[in-house]
């Protein structure tokens, strides 16, 4: 009885594997403790009674899914924070490609292009600061005022704003690089651009999952 209950509950949940495993383990531990207590008291159908008292699967699944949404939101923001050094390295490698004689016969990019590329570094510093604040404040707020499901949605909104701000600055750089004698079409530049795009695509995927899991 307990096994079938947990199996159905498992099938209804979606989210981080570790967090999901922890929730199911807690549920199993609680169910078996109650069932064992009833069995020791000589009550028939101890497992069935423990399952009934634990709660109907749809209700428990909604509660657990909200917890998983919040856990994924935290994971998404942490991933954003951890991706910042990687993207910084990629940007620095890309910058070396157009410094000196890598394009336009040795001419340097125009001032506006340099200004935007330098601004990207500061943007990532701000994103890092906001990410740390979001993790700290989010945990405090979740403990007092905000539901777990709303925390997951808020994480998705935060990720959208952070990545959106970055892409708004990055778009003129990409367009400008393509316009300046195809600078970004240099094989090495294309490689670093693809690496950055891969990291960003993963972060966008995590952002989307914040909303999907919160709505489940």
C-alpha atoms as a PDB file:
ATOM      1  CA  UNK A   1       0.000   0.000   0.000  1.00  0.00           C
ATOM      2  CA  UNK A   2       2.716   2.467   0.953  1.00  0.00           C
ATOM      3  CA  UNK A   3       4.814   1.507  -2.071  1.00  0.00           C
ATOM      4  CA  UNK A   4       1.956   2.122  -4.512  1.00  0.00           C
ATOM      5  CA  UNK A   5       1.125   5.437  -2.810  1.00  0.00           C
ATOM      6  CA  UNK A   6       4.719   6.633  -3.100  1.00  0.00           C
ATOM      7  CA  UNK A   7       4.981   5.401  -6.686  1.00  0.00           C
ATOM      8  CA  UNK A   8       1.934   7.398  -7.750  1.00  0.00           C
ATOM      9  CA  UNK A   9       3.130  10.438  -5.847  1.00  0.00           C
ATOM     10  CA  UNK A  10       6.512  10.128  -7.551  1.00  0.00           C
ATOM     11  CA  UNK A  11       4.865  10.060 -10.983  1.00  0.00           C
ATOM     12  CA  UNK A  12       3.057  13.330 -10.280  1.00  0.00           C
ATOM     13  CA  UNK A  13       6.141  15.272  -9.234  1.00  0.00           C
ATOM     14  CA  UNK A  14       8.684  17.065 -11.399  1.00  0.00           C
ATOM     15  CA  UNK A  15      11.756  18.973 -10.317  1.00  0.00           C
ATOM     16  CA  UNK A  16      15.318  18.627  -9.021  1.00  0.00           C
ATOM     17  CA  UNK A  17      16.134  14.961  -8.450  1.00  0.00           C
ATOM     18  CA  UNK A  18      17.812  15.418  -5.087  1.00  0.00           C
ATOM     19  CA  UNK A  19      14.995  17.560  -3.685  1.00  0.00           C
ATOM     20  CA  UNK A  20      12.389  15.148  -5.043  1.00  0.00           C
ATOM     21  CA  UNK A  21      14.198  12.161  -3.524  1.00  0.00           C
ATOM     22  CA  UNK A  22      14.358  13.929  -0.155  1.00  0.00           C
ATOM     23  CA  UNK A  23      10.626  14.687  -0.168  1.00  0.00           C
ATOM     24  CA  UNK A  24       9.713  11.119  -1.084  1.00  0.00           C
ATOM     25  CA  UNK A  25      12.096   9.764   1.545  1.00  0.00           C
ATOM     26  CA  UNK A  26      10.474  11.979   4.191  1.00  0.00           C
ATOM     27  CA  UNK A  27       7.039  10.833   3.098  1.00  0.00           C
ATOM     28  CA  UNK A  28       8.053   7.173   3.235  1.00  0.00           C
ATOM     29  CA  UNK A  29       9.644   7.579   6.651  1.00  0.00           C
ATOM     30  CA  UNK A  30       6.533   9.264   8.038  1.00  0.00           C
ATOM     31  CA  UNK A  31       4.172   6.699   6.512  1.00  0.00           C
ATOM     32  CA  UNK A  32       6.134   3.719   7.786  1.00  0.00           C
ATOM     33  CA  UNK A  33       6.449   5.199  11.272  1.00  0.00           C
ATOM     34  CA  UNK A  34       2.686   5.695  11.498  1.00  0.00           C
ATOM     35  CA  UNK A  35       1.968   2.289   9.978  1.00  0.00           C
ATOM     36  CA  UNK A  36       4.350   0.616  12.417  1.00  0.00           C
ATOM     37  CA  UNK A  37       2.705   2.375  15.354  1.00  0.00           C
ATOM     38  CA  UNK A  38      -0.741   1.188  14.241  1.00  0.00           C
ATOM     39  CA  UNK A  39       0.564  -2.320  13.668  1.00  0.00           C
ATOM     40  CA  UNK A  40       2.116  -2.447  17.130  1.00  0.00           C
ATOM     41  CA  UNK A  41      -1.234  -1.328  18.542  1.00  0.00           C
ATOM     42  CA  UNK A  42      -2.900  -4.260  16.832  1.00  0.00           C
ATOM     43  CA  UNK A  43      -4.881  -2.127  14.391  1.00  0.00           C
ATOM     44  CA  UNK A  44      -5.763  -3.889  11.138  1.00  0.00           C
ATOM     45  CA  UNK A  45      -4.851  -2.370   7.759  1.00  0.00           C
ATOM     46  CA  UNK A  46      -2.144  -0.264   9.377  1.00  0.00           C
ATOM     47  CA  UNK A  47      -0.594   0.840   6.071  1.00  0.00           C
ATOM     48  CA  UNK A  48      -3.949   1.796   4.543  1.00  0.00           C
ATOM     49  CA  UNK A  49      -4.834   3.866   7.577  1.00  0.00           C
ATOM     50  CA  UNK A  50      -1.423   5.577   7.555  1.00  0.00           C
ATOM     51  CA  UNK A  51      -1.892   6.452   3.889  1.00  0.00           C
ATOM     52  CA  UNK A  52      -5.371   7.867   4.489  1.00  0.00           C
ATOM     53  CA  UNK A  53      -4.136  10.047   7.346  1.00  0.00           C
ATOM     54  CA  UNK A  54      -1.147  11.263   5.351  1.00  0.00           C
ATOM     55  CA  UNK A  55      -3.476  12.832   2.807  1.00  0.00           C
ATOM     56  CA  UNK A  56      -4.888  12.356  -0.694  1.00  0.00           C
ATOM     57  CA  UNK A  57      -2.258  12.205  -3.419  1.00  0.00           C
ATOM     58  CA  UNK A  58      -3.501  15.264  -5.395  1.00  0.00           C
ATOM     59  CA  UNK A  59      -3.246  17.490  -2.322  1.00  0.00           C
ATOM     60  CA  UNK A  60       0.163  16.166  -1.235  1.00  0.00           C
ATOM     61  CA  UNK A  61       1.449  16.375  -4.806  1.00  0.00           C
ATOM     62  CA  UNK A  62       0.481  20.071  -5.013  1.00  0.00           C
ATOM     63  CA  UNK A  63       2.304  20.812  -1.778  1.00  0.00           C
ATOM     64  CA  UNK A  64       5.397  18.866  -2.772  1.00  0.00           C
ATOM     65  CA  UNK A  65       5.419  20.329  -6.273  1.00  0.00           C
ATOM     66  CA  UNK A  66       5.484  23.820  -4.793  1.00  0.00           C
ATOM     67  CA  UNK A  67       8.526  22.815  -2.738  1.00  0.00           C
ATOM     68  CA  UNK A  68      10.214  21.442  -5.850  1.00  0.00           C
ATOM     69  CA  UNK A  69       9.491  24.663  -7.746  1.00  0.00           C
ATOM     70  CA  UNK A  70      11.165  26.654  -4.988  1.00  0.00           C
ATOM     71  CA  UNK A  71      14.129  24.259  -4.942  1.00  0.00           C
ATOM     72  CA  UNK A  72      14.541  24.610  -8.700  1.00  0.00           C
ATOM     73  CA  UNK A  73      14.356  28.393  -8.432  1.00  0.00           C
ATOM     74  CA  UNK A  74      17.203  28.345  -5.933  1.00  0.00           C
ATOM     75  CA  UNK A  75      19.156  25.996  -8.206  1.00  0.00           C
ATOM     76  CA  UNK A  76      18.587  28.312 -11.182  1.00  0.00           C
ATOM     77  CA  UNK A  77      19.909  31.378  -9.373  1.00  0.00           C
ATOM     78  CA  UNK A  78      22.898  29.443  -8.070  1.00  0.00           C
ATOM     79  CA  UNK A  79      23.617  28.241 -11.599  1.00  0.00           C
ATOM     80  CA  UNK A  80      23.483  31.832 -12.820  1.00  0.00           C
ATOM     81  CA  UNK A  81      25.941  32.813 -10.113  1.00  0.00           C
ATOM     82  CA  UNK A  82      28.303  29.968 -10.981  1.00  0.00           C
ATOM     83  CA  UNK A  83      28.075  30.723 -14.713  1.00  0.00           C
ATOM     84  CA  UNK A  84      29.337  34.278 -14.274  1.00  0.00           C
ATOM     85  CA  UNK A  85      33.062  33.400 -14.018  1.00  0.00           C
ATOM     86  CA  UNK A  86      32.747  31.071 -17.013  1.00  0.00           C
ATOM     87  CA  UNK A  87      31.092  33.695 -19.197  1.00  0.00           C
ATOM     88  CA  UNK A  88      33.661  36.264 -18.056  1.00  0.00           C
ATOM     89  CA  UNK A  89      36.474  33.968 -19.217  1.00  0.00           C
ATOM     90  CA  UNK A  90      34.702  33.453 -22.533  1.00  0.00           C
ATOM     91  CA  UNK A  91      34.325  37.217 -23.000  1.00  0.00           C
ATOM     92  CA  UNK A  92      37.964  37.812 -22.181  1.00  0.00           C
ATOM     93  CA  UNK A  93      39.043  35.170 -24.688  1.00  0.00           C
ATOM     94  CA  UNK A  94      36.770  36.698 -27.310  1.00  0.00           C
ATOM     95  CA  UNK A  95      38.138  40.164 -26.621  1.00  0.00           C
ATOM     96  CA  UNK A  96      41.679  39.009 -27.402  1.00  0.00           C
ATOM     97  CA  UNK A  97      40.560  38.156 -30.911  1.00  0.00           C
ATOM     98  CA  UNK A  98      39.826  41.721 -31.926  1.00  0.00           C
ATOM     99  CA  UNK A  99      42.606  43.457 -30.031  1.00  0.00           C
ATOM    100  CA  UNK A 100      45.604  44.233 -32.249  1.00  0.00           C
ATOM    101  CA  UNK A 101      45.757  42.942 -35.795  1.00  0.00           C
ATOM    102  CA  UNK A 102      43.018  40.353 -35.763  1.00  0.00           C
ATOM    103  CA  UNK A 103      40.715  42.356 -38.040  1.00  0.00           C
ATOM    104  CA  UNK A 104      40.566  45.427 -40.283  1.00  0.00           C
ATOM    105  CA  UNK A 105      44.318  45.376 -40.886  1.00  0.00           C
ATOM    106  CA  UNK A 106      45.174  46.008 -37.232  1.00  0.00           C
ATOM    107  CA  UNK A 107      42.691  48.830 -36.554  1.00  0.00           C
ATOM    108  CA  UNK A 108      41.014  48.855 -33.172  1.00  0.00           C
ATOM    109  CA  UNK A 109      37.235  48.710 -32.804  1.00  0.00           C
ATOM    110  CA  UNK A 110      35.408  52.040 -32.432  1.00  0.00           C
ATOM    111  CA  UNK A 111      34.983  53.600 -28.994  1.00  0.00           C
ATOM    112  CA  UNK A 112      31.294  52.728 -28.704  1.00  0.00           C
ATOM    113  CA  UNK A 113      32.100  49.050 -29.293  1.00  0.00           C
ATOM    114  CA  UNK A 114      34.814  49.065 -26.628  1.00  0.00           C
ATOM    115  CA  UNK A 115      32.506  50.854 -24.215  1.00  0.00           C
ATOM    116  CA  UNK A 116      29.793  48.222 -24.607  1.00  0.00           C
ATOM    117  CA  UNK A 117      32.182  45.304 -24.244  1.00  0.00           C
ATOM    118  CA  UNK A 118      33.626  46.859 -21.081  1.00  0.00           C
ATOM    119  CA  UNK A 119      30.113  47.495 -19.761  1.00  0.00           C
ATOM    120  CA  UNK A 120      29.348  43.780 -20.023  1.00  0.00           C
ATOM    121  CA  UNK A 121      31.914  43.078 -17.297  1.00  0.00           C
ATOM    122  CA  UNK A 122      30.184  45.502 -14.929  1.00  0.00           C
ATOM    123  CA  UNK A 123      26.802  44.054 -15.809  1.00  0.00           C
ATOM    124  CA  UNK A 124      27.938  40.607 -14.702  1.00  0.00           C
ATOM    125  CA  UNK A 125      29.257  42.065 -11.448  1.00  0.00           C
ATOM    126  CA  UNK A 126      25.816  43.551 -10.805  1.00  0.00           C
ATOM    127  CA  UNK A 127      24.150  40.270 -11.724  1.00  0.00           C
ATOM    128  CA  UNK A 128      26.410  38.471  -9.256  1.00  0.00           C
ATOM    129  CA  UNK A 129      25.513  40.919  -6.480  1.00  0.00           C
ATOM    130  CA  UNK A 130      21.789  40.677  -7.229  1.00  0.00           C
ATOM    131  CA  UNK A 131      21.994  36.869  -7.368  1.00  0.00           C
ATOM    132  CA  UNK A 132      23.570  36.671  -3.927  1.00  0.00           C
ATOM    133  CA  UNK A 133      20.953  39.065  -2.559  1.00  0.00           C
ATOM    134  CA  UNK A 134      18.173  37.048  -4.196  1.00  0.00           C
ATOM    135  CA  UNK A 135      19.406  33.842  -2.565  1.00  0.00           C
ATOM    136  CA  UNK A 136      19.728  35.425   0.878  1.00  0.00           C
ATOM    137  CA  UNK A 137      16.559  37.510   0.803  1.00  0.00           C
ATOM    138  CA  UNK A 138      14.554  34.784  -0.941  1.00  0.00           C
ATOM    139  CA  UNK A 139      15.308  32.334   1.839  1.00  0.00           C
ATOM    140  CA  UNK A 140      14.314  34.817   4.534  1.00  0.00           C
ATOM    141  CA  UNK A 141      11.123  35.864   2.738  1.00  0.00           C
ATOM    142  CA  UNK A 142      10.095  32.279   2.013  1.00  0.00           C
ATOM    143  CA  UNK A 143      10.269  31.430   5.690  1.00  0.00           C
ATOM    144  CA  UNK A 144       7.812  34.179   6.620  1.00  0.00           C
ATOM    145  CA  UNK A 145       5.593  35.639   3.909  1.00  0.00           C
ATOM    146  CA  UNK A 146       5.877  34.008   0.491  1.00  0.00           C
ATOM    147  CA  UNK A 147       4.662  30.560  -0.556  1.00  0.00           C
ATOM    148  CA  UNK A 148       7.083  28.070  -2.061  1.00  0.00           C
ATOM    149  CA  UNK A 149       5.261  28.200  -5.399  1.00  0.00           C
ATOM    150  CA  UNK A 150       5.514  31.998  -5.525  1.00  0.00           C
ATOM    151  CA  UNK A 151       9.200  31.726  -4.686  1.00  0.00           C
ATOM    152  CA  UNK A 152       9.707  29.563  -7.770  1.00  0.00           C
ATOM    153  CA  UNK A 153       7.892  32.060  -9.970  1.00  0.00           C
ATOM    154  CA  UNK A 154       9.851  34.936  -8.474  1.00  0.00           C
ATOM    155  CA  UNK A 155      13.092  33.130  -9.268  1.00  0.00           C
ATOM    156  CA  UNK A 156      11.952  32.783 -12.869  1.00  0.00           C
ATOM    157  CA  UNK A 157      11.120  36.488 -13.044  1.00  0.00           C
ATOM    158  CA  UNK A 158      14.507  37.362 -11.538  1.00  0.00           C
ATOM    159  CA  UNK A 159      16.339  35.175 -14.064  1.00  0.00           C
ATOM    160  CA  UNK A 160      14.338  36.721 -16.918  1.00  0.00           C
ATOM    161  CA  UNK A 161      15.254  40.255 -15.868  1.00  0.00           C
ATOM    162  CA  UNK A 162      18.945  39.445 -15.367  1.00  0.00           C
ATOM    163  CA  UNK A 163      19.370  37.557 -18.639  1.00  0.00           C
ATOM    164  CA  UNK A 164      17.215  40.065 -20.506  1.00  0.00           C
ATOM    165  CA  UNK A 165      19.394  42.954 -19.359  1.00  0.00           C
ATOM    166  CA  UNK A 166      22.504  41.112 -20.483  1.00  0.00           C
ATOM    167  CA  UNK A 167      21.072  40.285 -23.911  1.00  0.00           C
ATOM    168  CA  UNK A 168      19.970  43.888 -24.473  1.00  0.00           C
ATOM    169  CA  UNK A 169      23.595  44.972 -24.090  1.00  0.00           C
ATOM    170  CA  UNK A 170      24.987  42.005 -25.996  1.00  0.00           C
ATOM    171  CA  UNK A 171      22.829  42.446 -29.103  1.00  0.00           C
ATOM    172  CA  UNK A 172      24.518  45.678 -30.326  1.00  0.00           C
ATOM    173  CA  UNK A 173      27.910  44.017 -29.817  1.00  0.00           C
ATOM    174  CA  UNK A 174      26.927  41.073 -31.976  1.00  0.00           C
ATOM    175  CA  UNK A 175      25.429  43.273 -34.685  1.00  0.00           C
ATOM    176  CA  UNK A 176      28.412  45.639 -34.589  1.00  0.00           C
ATOM    177  CA  UNK A 177      30.876  42.764 -34.731  1.00  0.00           C
ATOM    178  CA  UNK A 178      29.175  41.347 -37.801  1.00  0.00           C
ATOM    179  CA  UNK A 179      29.134  44.769 -39.464  1.00  0.00           C
ATOM    180  CA  UNK A 180      32.842  45.454 -38.862  1.00  0.00           C
ATOM    181  CA  UNK A 181      34.324  43.350 -41.637  1.00  0.00           C
ATOM    182  CA  UNK A 182      32.725  40.233 -40.208  1.00  0.00           C
ATOM    183  CA  UNK A 183      34.858  40.295 -37.093  1.00  0.00           C
ATOM    184  CA  UNK A 184      32.631  37.809 -35.334  1.00  0.00           C
ATOM    185  CA  UNK A 185      32.858  35.450 -38.312  1.00  0.00           C
ATOM    186  CA  UNK A 186      36.478  34.748 -37.437  1.00  0.00           C
ATOM    187  CA  UNK A 187      36.629  30.997 -36.537  1.00  0.00           C
ATOM    188  CA  UNK A 188      37.978  31.662 -33.040  1.00  0.00           C
ATOM    189  CA  UNK A 189      35.393  34.376 -32.399  1.00  0.00           C
ATOM    190  CA  UNK A 190      32.659  32.049 -33.559  1.00  0.00           C
ATOM    191  CA  UNK A 191      33.903  29.381 -31.148  1.00  0.00           C
ATOM    192  CA  UNK A 192      33.761  31.680 -28.132  1.00  0.00           C
ATOM    193  CA  UNK A 193      30.369  32.988 -29.237  1.00  0.00           C
ATOM    194  CA  UNK A 194      29.011  29.454 -29.472  1.00  0.00           C
ATOM    195  CA  UNK A 195      30.396  28.656 -26.014  1.00  0.00           C
ATOM    196  CA  UNK A 196      28.681  31.714 -24.547  1.00  0.00           C
ATOM    197  CA  UNK A 197      25.463  30.854 -26.400  1.00  0.00           C
ATOM    198  CA  UNK A 198      25.530  27.323 -24.951  1.00  0.00           C
ATOM    199  CA  UNK A 199      25.839  28.639 -21.389  1.00  0.00           C
ATOM    200  CA  UNK A 200      23.083  31.192 -21.957  1.00  0.00           C
ATOM    201  CA  UNK A 201      20.819  28.580 -23.534  1.00  0.00           C
ATOM    202  CA  UNK A 202      21.185  26.435 -20.405  1.00  0.00           C
ATOM    203  CA  UNK A 203      20.334  29.407 -18.192  1.00  0.00           C
ATOM    204  CA  UNK A 204      17.298  30.189 -20.340  1.00  0.00           C
ATOM    205  CA  UNK A 205      16.230  26.557 -19.990  1.00  0.00           C
ATOM    206  CA  UNK A 206      16.480  26.824 -16.210  1.00  0.00           C
ATOM    207  CA  UNK A 207      14.456  30.040 -16.315  1.00  0.00           C
ATOM    208  CA  UNK A 208      11.710  28.414 -18.328  1.00  0.00           C
ATOM    209  CA  UNK A 209      11.601  25.484 -15.927  1.00  0.00           C
ATOM    210  CA  UNK A 210      11.020  27.908 -13.037  1.00  0.00           C
ATOM    211  CA  UNK A 211       7.690  28.897 -14.575  1.00  0.00           C
ATOM    212  CA  UNK A 212       6.786  25.387 -15.730  1.00  0.00           C
ATOM    213  CA  UNK A 213       7.361  23.794 -12.335  1.00  0.00           C
ATOM    214  CA  UNK A 214       5.588  26.621 -10.533  1.00  0.00           C
ATOM    215  CA  UNK A 215       2.524  26.134 -12.710  1.00  0.00           C
ATOM    216  CA  UNK A 216       2.433  22.351 -12.323  1.00  0.00           C
END
